Protein backbone atom coordinates (compact mmCIF):
# COMPACT_ATOMS: atom_id res chain seq x y z
CA MET A 1 5.57 15.73 -11.80
CA SER A 2 6.23 19.28 -12.97
CA ALA A 3 9.61 21.00 -12.90
CA LYS A 4 8.38 23.34 -10.16
CA THR A 5 7.38 20.51 -7.85
CA PRO A 6 9.99 19.63 -5.21
CA ILE A 7 11.38 16.13 -5.31
CA ARG A 8 9.04 13.99 -3.26
CA THR A 9 10.00 10.92 -1.26
CA ALA A 10 7.70 7.90 -1.18
CA LEU A 11 7.66 4.97 1.23
CA VAL A 12 5.93 1.92 -0.24
CA THR A 13 5.58 -0.96 2.20
CA GLY A 14 5.73 -4.48 0.85
CA SER A 15 7.36 -3.27 -2.35
CA GLY A 16 9.60 -6.21 -3.22
CA ARG A 17 7.14 -7.57 -5.78
CA ASN A 18 3.65 -7.42 -7.23
CA ILE A 19 1.57 -4.29 -6.57
CA GLY A 20 4.13 -2.72 -4.23
CA ARG A 21 6.90 -3.09 -6.79
CA ALA A 22 4.74 -1.60 -9.55
CA VAL A 23 3.76 1.35 -7.35
CA ALA A 24 7.35 2.07 -6.31
CA LEU A 25 8.58 1.99 -9.91
CA ALA A 26 5.71 4.16 -11.14
CA LEU A 27 6.52 6.78 -8.51
CA ALA A 28 10.23 6.53 -9.33
CA GLU A 29 9.43 7.12 -12.99
CA GLN A 30 7.59 10.30 -11.96
CA GLY A 31 10.73 11.56 -10.23
CA CYS A 32 10.16 10.50 -6.62
CA ASN A 33 12.81 9.16 -4.31
CA VAL A 34 11.57 5.74 -3.20
CA ILE A 35 11.97 3.73 -0.01
CA ILE A 36 11.63 0.04 -0.80
CA ASN A 37 10.43 -2.16 2.05
CA GLY A 38 10.08 -5.87 2.58
CA SER A 39 10.06 -8.15 5.60
CA SER A 40 12.38 -10.93 4.46
CA ASN A 41 13.42 -11.02 0.78
CA ARG A 42 16.18 -8.44 0.64
CA ALA A 43 17.34 -9.61 -2.79
CA ALA A 44 13.93 -8.81 -4.29
CA CYS A 45 13.91 -5.37 -2.66
CA GLU A 46 17.44 -4.64 -3.85
CA ALA A 47 16.37 -5.58 -7.36
CA VAL A 48 13.43 -3.13 -7.23
CA ALA A 49 15.74 -0.42 -5.89
CA GLY A 50 18.06 -1.07 -8.83
CA GLU A 51 15.17 -0.75 -11.27
CA ALA A 52 14.15 2.54 -9.64
CA GLN A 53 17.71 3.85 -9.95
CA ASP A 54 17.74 2.86 -13.61
CA LEU A 55 14.74 5.18 -14.00
CA GLY A 56 16.80 8.03 -12.57
CA ALA A 57 15.40 7.93 -9.02
CA LYS A 58 17.20 7.65 -5.72
CA ALA A 59 16.26 4.52 -3.80
CA LEU A 60 16.75 3.17 -0.30
CA VAL A 61 16.06 -0.38 0.84
CA ALA A 62 14.60 -0.41 4.37
CA MET A 63 13.91 -3.97 5.46
CA GLY A 64 11.63 -4.82 8.35
CA ASP A 65 8.22 -6.06 9.43
CA VAL A 66 5.92 -3.03 9.44
CA GLY A 67 3.55 -5.00 11.65
CA ASP A 68 6.05 -4.49 14.45
CA PRO A 69 5.93 -0.94 15.87
CA ASP A 70 9.67 -0.74 16.53
CA ALA A 71 10.52 -1.94 13.03
CA ALA A 72 8.00 0.45 11.46
CA ARG A 73 9.51 3.32 13.42
CA GLN A 74 13.02 2.43 12.24
CA ILE A 75 11.94 2.07 8.60
CA CYS A 76 10.33 5.51 8.59
CA ARG A 77 13.22 7.13 10.41
CA SER A 78 15.81 5.65 8.07
CA GLY A 79 13.90 6.98 5.06
CA ALA A 80 13.53 10.44 6.57
CA THR A 81 17.22 10.48 7.49
CA GLU A 82 18.28 9.44 3.99
CA PHE A 83 16.07 11.86 2.06
CA GLY A 84 15.17 14.51 4.62
CA ARG A 85 11.42 13.87 4.44
CA ILE A 86 8.70 11.39 3.56
CA ASP A 87 5.93 12.98 1.51
CA ILE A 88 4.06 9.95 0.19
CA LEU A 89 3.12 6.83 2.13
CA VAL A 90 1.64 3.80 0.42
CA ASN A 91 0.53 1.14 2.91
CA ASN A 92 0.60 -1.97 0.75
CA ALA A 93 2.11 -4.70 2.93
CA ALA A 94 -0.42 -7.41 3.76
CA VAL A 95 -0.95 -11.05 4.56
CA ARG A 96 -4.11 -12.75 3.28
CA PRO A 97 -4.43 -16.28 4.65
CA LEU A 98 -7.36 -18.46 3.63
CA LYS A 99 -8.53 -20.35 6.70
CA PRO A 100 -11.90 -21.32 8.17
CA PHE A 101 -12.91 -19.09 11.06
CA LEU A 102 -13.16 -21.91 13.62
CA GLU A 103 -9.61 -22.99 12.76
CA THR A 104 -8.22 -19.47 13.19
CA THR A 105 -5.88 -19.28 16.18
CA ASP A 106 -5.11 -16.28 18.35
CA ASP A 107 -1.73 -16.02 16.61
CA ASP A 108 -3.40 -16.11 13.17
CA TRP A 109 -5.78 -13.35 14.18
CA HIS A 110 -3.15 -11.04 15.66
CA ARG A 111 -0.68 -11.58 12.82
CA VAL A 112 -3.21 -10.47 10.19
CA LEU A 113 -4.32 -7.44 12.19
CA ASP A 114 -0.71 -6.46 12.85
CA VAL A 115 0.31 -6.46 9.19
CA ASP A 116 -2.96 -5.49 7.49
CA LEU A 117 -4.15 -2.80 9.91
CA ASN A 118 -1.79 -1.92 12.75
CA ALA A 119 1.13 -1.39 10.37
CA ALA A 120 -0.72 1.49 8.72
CA PHE A 121 -1.30 3.06 12.14
CA TYR A 122 2.41 2.78 12.92
CA THR A 123 3.62 4.22 9.60
CA CYS A 124 1.03 7.01 9.55
CA ARG A 125 1.95 7.98 13.10
CA GLN A 126 5.60 8.24 12.09
CA THR A 127 5.18 10.12 8.81
CA LEU A 128 2.27 12.49 9.45
CA PRO A 129 4.18 14.96 11.66
CA GLY A 130 6.61 15.68 8.82
CA MET A 131 3.80 15.99 6.31
CA VAL A 132 2.04 18.47 8.59
CA ASP A 133 5.23 20.49 8.97
CA ASN A 134 5.67 20.61 5.19
CA GLY A 135 2.01 21.38 4.52
CA TRP A 136 1.76 18.57 1.98
CA GLY A 137 1.32 14.81 2.11
CA ARG A 138 -0.29 11.85 0.37
CA ILE A 139 -1.31 8.63 2.09
CA ILE A 140 -2.72 5.69 0.13
CA ASN A 141 -3.96 2.55 1.86
CA LEU A 142 -4.43 -0.66 -0.14
CA THR A 143 -7.61 -2.23 1.18
CA GLY A 144 -8.85 -4.76 -1.36
CA MET A 145 -12.37 -6.04 -1.81
CA ASN A 146 -12.24 -7.39 1.74
CA ALA A 147 -12.98 -3.82 2.83
CA ILE A 148 -16.22 -3.89 0.83
CA HIS A 149 -17.40 -7.48 1.26
CA GLY A 150 -16.84 -9.98 4.05
CA TYR A 151 -15.45 -13.27 2.77
CA LYS A 152 -15.70 -16.70 4.30
CA GLY A 153 -12.33 -18.15 5.12
CA ARG A 154 -10.84 -14.67 5.37
CA VAL A 155 -12.44 -13.24 8.49
CA PRO A 156 -9.31 -11.60 9.99
CA VAL A 157 -8.43 -10.06 6.62
CA SER A 158 -11.95 -8.71 6.17
CA VAL A 159 -11.91 -7.20 9.66
CA ALA A 160 -8.48 -5.63 9.16
CA LYS A 161 -9.32 -4.16 5.77
CA HIS A 162 -12.61 -2.72 7.04
CA GLY A 163 -10.56 -1.12 9.80
CA LEU A 164 -8.10 0.28 7.26
CA TRP A 165 -11.01 1.88 5.40
CA GLY A 166 -12.13 3.49 8.67
CA LEU A 167 -8.61 4.75 9.32
CA THR A 168 -8.54 6.27 5.83
CA LYS A 169 -11.76 8.22 6.30
CA ALA A 170 -10.86 9.47 9.77
CA LEU A 171 -7.35 10.61 8.84
CA ALA A 172 -8.64 12.36 5.72
CA LYS A 173 -10.92 14.50 7.88
CA GLU A 174 -8.34 15.21 10.57
CA PHE A 175 -5.40 16.08 8.31
CA GLY A 176 -7.08 17.59 5.26
CA PRO A 177 -6.63 21.11 6.65
CA SER A 178 -2.88 20.45 6.74
CA GLY A 179 -2.64 19.82 2.99
CA ILE A 180 -2.70 16.05 3.33
CA THR A 181 -4.97 13.71 1.39
CA VAL A 182 -5.71 10.17 2.51
CA ASN A 183 -7.33 7.65 0.19
CA ALA A 184 -7.79 3.93 -0.21
CA ILE A 185 -7.52 1.76 -3.29
CA SER A 186 -9.49 -1.47 -3.39
CA PRO A 187 -7.92 -3.78 -5.97
CA GLY A 188 -9.97 -6.60 -7.42
CA PRO A 189 -8.32 -9.87 -8.52
CA ILE A 190 -4.80 -8.97 -9.67
CA GLN A 191 -2.41 -11.10 -11.70
CA SER A 192 0.62 -11.45 -9.47
CA GLU A 193 3.01 -13.81 -7.74
CA HIS A 194 1.75 -15.72 -4.72
CA ASP A 195 3.61 -18.00 -2.32
CA ASP A 196 0.32 -19.64 -1.40
CA ALA A 197 -0.88 -22.00 -4.16
CA GLU A 198 -4.40 -22.04 -2.72
CA LEU A 199 -4.59 -18.25 -2.80
CA SER A 200 -3.28 -18.19 -6.38
CA ARG A 201 -5.94 -20.71 -7.42
CA HIS A 202 -8.62 -18.69 -5.63
CA ILE A 203 -7.70 -15.56 -7.60
CA ARG A 204 -7.63 -17.34 -10.97
CA GLU A 205 -11.06 -18.79 -10.34
CA GLN A 206 -12.50 -15.28 -10.05
CA VAL A 207 -11.89 -14.46 -13.72
CA GLY A 208 -15.35 -15.71 -14.67
CA ARG A 209 -16.95 -13.12 -12.36
CA ILE A 210 -15.03 -10.13 -13.77
CA PRO A 211 -17.12 -8.28 -16.38
CA VAL A 212 -14.06 -7.14 -18.37
CA GLY A 213 -13.03 -10.79 -18.63
CA HIS A 214 -9.48 -10.75 -17.29
CA LEU A 215 -7.44 -10.22 -14.15
CA GLY A 216 -6.02 -6.81 -13.37
CA GLU A 217 -2.33 -6.00 -13.49
CA PRO A 218 -0.21 -4.38 -10.76
CA THR A 219 0.37 -1.47 -13.14
CA HIS A 220 -3.35 -0.65 -13.02
CA ILE A 221 -3.03 0.01 -9.29
CA ALA A 222 0.21 1.90 -9.77
CA ALA A 223 -1.48 4.22 -12.26
CA LEU A 224 -4.14 5.07 -9.67
CA CYS A 225 -1.46 5.82 -7.10
CA ASN A 226 0.26 8.16 -9.54
CA TYR A 227 -3.00 10.03 -10.04
CA LEU A 228 -3.72 10.33 -6.32
CA VAL A 229 -0.30 11.85 -5.59
CA SER A 230 -0.45 14.19 -8.60
CA ASP A 231 -1.69 17.78 -8.66
CA GLY A 232 -4.79 16.48 -10.43
CA GLY A 233 -5.61 14.27 -7.46
CA ALA A 234 -5.34 17.03 -4.88
CA PHE A 235 -9.13 17.30 -4.41
CA MET A 236 -9.57 13.55 -3.91
CA SER A 237 -9.52 12.58 -0.25
CA GLY A 238 -11.33 10.23 2.09
CA GLN A 239 -12.30 7.98 -0.81
CA MET A 240 -11.98 4.30 -1.61
CA ILE A 241 -11.47 3.67 -5.32
CA ALA A 242 -12.35 0.17 -6.50
CA CYS A 243 -10.17 -1.02 -9.38
CA ASN A 244 -11.70 -4.41 -10.08
CA GLY A 245 -12.89 -4.69 -13.66
CA GLY A 246 -16.50 -4.21 -12.61
CA THR A 247 -16.57 -7.08 -10.12
CA GLU A 248 -19.39 -6.75 -7.58
CA THR A 249 -18.82 -9.71 -5.25
């Protein structure tokens, strides 16, 4: 970030660990204020905020479930109150259960759509007015390969991520004239922590299908986010960038 660029503020949802943590720290290293969000593990979020502060950034922990519209509203408002504005929004929070379709309950379905799709609607709705007023904004939605391929056992996730890709394209067209870019990043299998042992096993098993021969790292996704919010990324909008080591399925 150049010396002439005003200090930007970034909200990264689900930033207590893994990709969200890496993105928040990468943005902090570039000079952004960062709003760290998680739904339950405050200690993890506080630790990330401390790391961001060690990099010279200002950091705010804003806990809450972004899949709940009231909580999403409060998270965005607290960040804007603390820093005066939110310039960068990274919608990373997600749940990715593995479950056969015929065993998927109504609650399962709605929970995935709330966190993986509706949350982005809530946070975009809260932050876009300020971005429009300032004539500058960057929104990045983390879709994953579920937005490209439908996967058995992950029907709600596939539906939600396809919807997130649609939201990305539509917002890019509507808000481009206001100086706002909206893009999606589709990570392939990423080496990270998982509470779900079955999900962790599923990701490790995909190594054999990755042409580069290894899992990705959260820092690979963070580097893409840094590019998309930079001056060099200003002409990139309405795109979904696959960062997956050449994986096709």
